[in-house]
Amino acid sequence: MTRVAIVTGASRGIGRATAIRLAQDFAAVAIVARDPDTLAQTGAAIAELGAMPLVLEGDLRDPVVIEQLVSATLARFGRIDALVNIAGAVPQGDLFTMTDAEWADGLSLKFHAARRLTIAAWEALKASRGAVVITSGTSAITPKASLAAVGTINAAISAMAKAFAERGLTDGVQVNTILPGPVMTDRRRAMLQKFADAKGLSLDAAIDRFATDSGIARYGEPGDIAHAIAFLVAPQTRWMTGAALRVDGGETKSI
């Protein structure tokens, strides 16, 4: 049986690492992102592992792109067995300074695109008794005023995923969220550079200080999250649904 996965935000970071990791377990991986050059590189890496890539450049804020992704995947491969929603950078602003436009942009890509895509792929996922992973973040557990939208939107995603999971019990679709902690991506490095500039630190000093303040032994790598996602969509974990899997190096001290 040919198993097919869709991964969003696959041009870099966690999305790219996940698409390449799933190429080890799936016969085909459909990927989407806005940067055509880096997305093509991900597609080439998938092909090198022996899986068939389907590459679609597009902005998932646009509902038309979502319909195109699902339609193209079904036209090419005839099924969808796993959907991994990763796309969605949220503006990192203070509660009292973020604009309505920044809030709307964060919701549009990370929350609404995941919602629309999960619904658009749902019938195919029902047919395959497939799996969905929606990316939230540990800020859903520990929201902060200085990163208001990040925590709020991640918490909303976790709640939405549980609602999908409840419907999935009837429809045979497994739905979980993954909550990454501080993973060293290009975006996090840029965030740390801003922190360094604000505090008068070197980038290396800021990186070390943030890790110490977070109580972690090291930053995560995109591959750490990719392996956890591969676990969530594996056939052996079918009984795990409605869960929020925290992968953060021990940063979040909660039960």
Protein backbone atom coordinates (compact mmCIF):
# COMPACT_ATOMS: atom_id res chain seq x y z
CA MET A 1 0.00 0.00 0.00
CA THR A 2 1.29 3.45 -0.94
CA ARG A 3 1.13 5.74 2.09
CA VAL A 4 1.01 9.47 1.37
CA ALA A 5 1.80 12.38 3.68
CA ILE A 6 1.29 16.13 3.34
CA VAL A 7 3.66 18.47 5.20
CA THR A 8 3.19 22.24 5.26
CA GLY A 9 5.92 24.80 5.86
CA ALA A 10 8.37 22.34 4.35
CA SER A 11 10.95 24.75 2.94
CA ARG A 12 13.00 25.12 6.13
CA GLY A 13 13.28 24.36 9.82
CA ILE A 14 10.93 21.85 11.43
CA GLY A 15 8.82 21.54 8.28
CA ARG A 16 11.76 20.63 6.09
CA ALA A 17 13.15 18.16 8.65
CA THR A 18 9.74 16.53 9.02
CA ALA A 19 9.15 16.16 5.28
CA ILE A 20 12.54 14.48 4.88
CA ARG A 21 12.01 12.26 7.93
CA LEU A 22 8.61 11.10 6.68
CA ALA A 23 10.16 10.16 3.34
CA GLN A 24 11.61 7.20 5.23
CA ASP A 25 8.13 5.94 6.18
CA PHE A 26 5.84 7.11 3.37
CA ALA A 27 5.99 6.32 -0.32
CA ALA A 28 5.06 9.89 -1.22
CA VAL A 29 5.30 13.27 0.51
CA ALA A 30 3.46 16.36 -0.73
CA ILE A 31 5.03 19.60 0.46
CA VAL A 32 4.01 23.24 0.36
CA ALA A 33 5.67 26.54 1.31
CA ARG A 34 6.18 30.03 -0.11
CA ASP A 35 9.90 29.86 -1.01
CA PRO A 36 10.24 27.92 -4.28
CA ASP A 37 14.02 27.50 -4.15
CA THR A 38 14.28 26.02 -0.66
CA LEU A 39 11.10 24.00 -1.23
CA ALA A 40 12.65 22.44 -4.32
CA GLN A 41 15.66 21.46 -2.23
CA THR A 42 13.36 19.68 0.22
CA GLY A 43 11.71 17.88 -2.70
CA ALA A 44 15.09 16.73 -3.97
CA ALA A 45 16.01 15.39 -0.51
CA ILE A 46 12.72 13.45 -0.39
CA ALA A 47 13.45 11.90 -3.78
CA GLU A 48 16.96 10.91 -2.69
CA LEU A 49 15.39 8.80 0.06
CA GLY A 50 13.27 6.95 -2.50
CA ALA A 51 9.93 8.64 -1.86
CA MET A 52 7.95 10.54 -4.48
CA PRO A 53 7.75 14.29 -3.82
CA LEU A 54 4.91 16.57 -4.85
CA VAL A 55 6.02 20.19 -4.60
CA LEU A 56 3.52 23.06 -4.48
CA GLU A 57 4.60 26.65 -4.01
CA GLY A 58 1.93 28.73 -2.33
CA ASP A 59 0.74 30.79 0.61
CA LEU A 60 -1.65 28.82 2.79
CA ARG A 61 -3.34 32.01 3.92
CA ASP A 62 -5.12 31.69 0.57
CA PRO A 63 -7.92 29.07 0.72
CA VAL A 64 -7.42 28.41 -3.00
CA VAL A 65 -3.90 27.12 -2.32
CA ILE A 66 -5.31 24.73 0.27
CA GLU A 67 -7.80 23.29 -2.22
CA GLN A 68 -5.04 23.01 -4.84
CA LEU A 69 -2.80 21.11 -2.43
CA VAL A 70 -5.46 18.55 -1.53
CA SER A 71 -6.65 18.18 -5.12
CA ALA A 72 -3.13 17.80 -6.50
CA THR A 73 -2.21 15.21 -3.88
CA LEU A 74 -5.31 13.13 -4.59
CA ALA A 75 -4.90 13.47 -8.36
CA ARG A 76 -1.27 12.31 -8.19
CA PHE A 77 -1.44 9.64 -5.50
CA GLY A 78 -5.12 8.89 -4.91
CA ARG A 79 -5.02 9.07 -1.12
CA ILE A 80 -3.88 10.99 1.95
CA ASP A 81 -2.70 9.04 4.99
CA ALA A 82 -1.14 11.79 7.10
CA LEU A 83 -1.43 15.55 7.28
CA VAL A 84 1.18 17.50 9.23
CA ASN A 85 0.38 21.19 9.73
CA ILE A 86 3.62 23.05 10.52
CA ALA A 87 3.40 26.33 8.56
CA GLY A 88 2.74 29.41 10.61
CA ALA A 89 5.08 31.97 12.09
CA VAL A 90 3.25 34.19 14.59
CA PRO A 91 4.33 37.83 15.18
CA GLN A 92 6.35 38.06 18.40
CA GLY A 93 5.00 41.21 19.97
CA ASP A 94 3.89 42.54 23.32
CA LEU A 95 0.24 42.31 24.35
CA PHE A 96 -0.08 46.09 24.52
CA THR A 97 1.69 46.96 21.26
CA MET A 98 0.53 44.33 18.76
CA THR A 99 -1.80 45.66 16.09
CA ASP A 100 -5.03 44.08 14.91
CA ALA A 101 -3.31 43.34 11.60
CA GLU A 102 -0.52 41.42 13.34
CA TRP A 103 -3.04 39.39 15.34
CA ALA A 104 -5.00 38.64 12.16
CA ASP A 105 -1.88 37.59 10.27
CA GLY A 106 -0.81 35.17 13.00
CA LEU A 107 -4.26 33.62 13.11
CA SER A 108 -4.57 33.48 9.33
CA LEU A 109 -1.56 31.26 8.69
CA LYS A 110 -1.01 29.15 11.78
CA PHE A 111 -4.59 28.70 13.01
CA HIS A 112 -6.98 29.15 10.10
CA ALA A 113 -4.78 27.53 7.44
CA ALA A 114 -4.40 24.42 9.62
CA ARG A 115 -8.15 24.41 10.25
CA ARG A 116 -9.04 24.79 6.58
CA LEU A 117 -6.52 22.22 5.40
CA THR A 118 -7.58 19.62 7.95
CA ILE A 119 -11.21 20.05 6.87
CA ALA A 120 -10.28 19.95 3.17
CA ALA A 121 -8.33 16.69 3.63
CA TRP A 122 -10.78 15.12 6.09
CA GLU A 123 -12.75 12.93 3.67
CA ALA A 124 -9.54 11.48 2.25
CA LEU A 125 -8.22 10.94 5.77
CA LYS A 126 -11.48 9.17 6.69
CA ALA A 127 -11.06 6.85 3.71
CA SER A 128 -7.50 5.93 4.72
CA ARG A 129 -8.13 6.05 8.48
CA GLY A 130 -5.29 8.52 8.55
CA ALA A 131 -3.57 10.81 11.03
CA VAL A 132 -3.31 14.56 11.55
CA VAL A 133 -0.70 16.49 13.51
CA ILE A 134 -1.17 20.20 14.18
CA THR A 135 1.77 22.19 15.51
CA SER A 136 1.18 24.27 18.61
CA GLY A 137 3.97 25.20 21.06
CA THR A 138 4.85 25.18 24.72
CA SER A 139 3.79 28.81 25.00
CA ALA A 140 0.26 27.42 24.99
CA ILE A 141 1.02 26.16 28.51
CA THR A 142 2.99 29.19 29.72
CA PRO A 143 1.73 32.30 27.87
CA LYS A 144 3.59 35.56 28.40
CA ALA A 145 2.58 39.19 27.85
CA SER A 146 5.76 39.80 25.85
CA LEU A 147 4.77 37.08 23.35
CA ALA A 148 1.02 37.44 23.62
CA ALA A 149 -0.09 36.19 20.21
CA VAL A 150 2.26 33.20 20.23
CA GLY A 151 0.83 31.75 23.43
CA THR A 152 -2.77 32.65 22.65
CA ILE A 153 -2.77 31.21 19.14
CA ASN A 154 -0.92 28.07 20.24
CA ALA A 155 -3.49 27.51 22.99
CA ALA A 156 -6.29 27.95 20.46
CA ILE A 157 -4.64 25.41 18.17
CA SER A 158 -4.42 22.86 20.98
CA ALA A 159 -8.12 23.32 21.72
CA MET A 160 -9.06 23.09 18.05
CA ALA A 161 -7.05 19.90 17.62
CA LYS A 162 -8.91 18.29 20.51
CA ALA A 163 -12.19 19.18 18.80
CA PHE A 164 -10.96 17.55 15.58
CA ALA A 165 -9.84 14.53 17.60
CA GLU A 166 -13.28 14.16 19.13
CA ARG A 167 -14.84 14.07 15.65
CA GLY A 168 -12.07 11.73 14.57
CA LEU A 169 -13.24 9.12 17.06
CA THR A 170 -16.36 8.73 14.93
CA ASP A 171 -14.69 9.17 11.57
CA GLY A 172 -11.59 7.05 12.18
CA VAL A 173 -9.09 9.92 11.96
CA GLN A 174 -6.34 10.28 14.56
CA VAL A 175 -5.56 13.87 15.56
CA ASN A 176 -2.82 15.10 17.90
CA THR A 177 -0.90 18.28 18.55
CA ILE A 178 2.83 18.65 19.03
CA LEU A 179 4.22 21.39 21.28
CA PRO A 180 7.84 22.16 20.39
CA GLY A 181 9.98 24.12 22.81
CA PRO A 182 13.06 26.20 21.93
CA VAL A 183 14.25 24.68 18.66
CA MET A 184 17.19 26.35 16.93
CA THR A 185 15.77 27.42 13.59
CA ASP A 186 16.53 30.46 11.44
CA ARG A 187 13.55 32.20 13.00
CA ARG A 188 14.70 31.53 16.56
CA ARG A 189 18.20 32.71 15.70
CA ALA A 190 16.72 35.96 14.39
CA MET A 191 14.69 36.30 17.60
CA LEU A 192 17.82 35.78 19.66
CA GLN A 193 19.67 38.38 17.60
CA LYS A 194 16.97 40.93 18.50
CA PHE A 195 17.31 39.93 22.15
CA ALA A 196 21.10 40.31 21.92
CA ASP A 197 20.79 43.77 20.37
CA ALA A 198 18.31 44.90 23.02
CA LYS A 199 20.52 43.67 25.87
CA GLY A 200 23.86 44.71 24.40
CA LEU A 201 25.05 41.11 24.11
CA SER A 202 26.80 39.13 21.43
CA LEU A 203 24.63 36.57 19.66
CA ASP A 204 26.55 33.69 21.27
CA ALA A 205 26.06 35.22 24.71
CA ALA A 206 22.34 35.68 24.06
CA ILE A 207 22.03 32.07 22.92
CA ASP A 208 23.72 30.83 26.09
CA ARG A 209 21.72 33.14 28.34
CA PHE A 210 18.36 32.14 26.90
CA ALA A 211 19.18 28.44 27.33
CA THR A 212 20.19 29.02 30.94
CA ASP A 213 17.09 31.10 31.68
CA SER A 214 14.92 28.41 30.08
CA GLY A 215 16.44 25.67 32.22
CA ILE A 216 17.42 23.45 29.30
CA ALA A 217 20.65 21.59 28.64
CA ARG A 218 20.58 22.41 24.92
CA TYR A 219 18.37 23.80 22.20
CA GLY A 220 16.32 21.39 20.18
CA GLU A 221 17.12 20.63 16.58
CA PRO A 222 14.45 20.42 13.87
CA GLY A 223 15.13 16.70 13.64
CA ASP A 224 14.11 16.25 17.29
CA ILE A 225 10.61 17.43 16.42
CA ALA A 226 10.54 15.56 13.11
CA HIS A 227 11.17 12.24 14.85
CA ALA A 228 8.39 12.94 17.34
CA ILE A 229 5.98 13.73 14.49
CA ALA A 230 6.97 10.50 12.73
CA PHE A 231 6.01 8.70 15.95
CA LEU A 232 2.61 10.43 16.04
CA VAL A 233 1.70 9.36 12.48
CA ALA A 234 3.07 5.82 12.72
CA PRO A 235 0.55 2.95 12.47
CA GLN A 236 1.75 1.67 15.84
CA THR A 237 0.44 4.77 17.65
CA ARG A 238 -3.13 4.67 16.33
CA TRP A 239 -4.60 4.56 19.86
CA MET A 240 -2.97 7.88 20.72
CA THR A 241 -5.40 10.65 19.80
CA GLY A 242 -6.47 13.97 21.27
CA ALA A 243 -3.06 14.26 22.92
CA ALA A 244 -0.70 17.22 23.13
CA LEU A 245 2.88 15.96 22.96
CA ARG A 246 5.35 18.39 24.53
CA VAL A 247 8.91 18.15 23.15
CA ASP A 248 10.96 20.91 24.77
CA GLY A 249 14.07 19.55 26.46
CA GLY A 250 12.44 19.90 29.88
CA GLU A 251 11.82 23.65 29.60
CA THR A 252 8.18 23.42 30.75
CA LYS A 253 8.02 22.23 34.34
CA SER A 254 4.44 21.00 34.43
CA ILE A 255 2.52 17.82 35.08
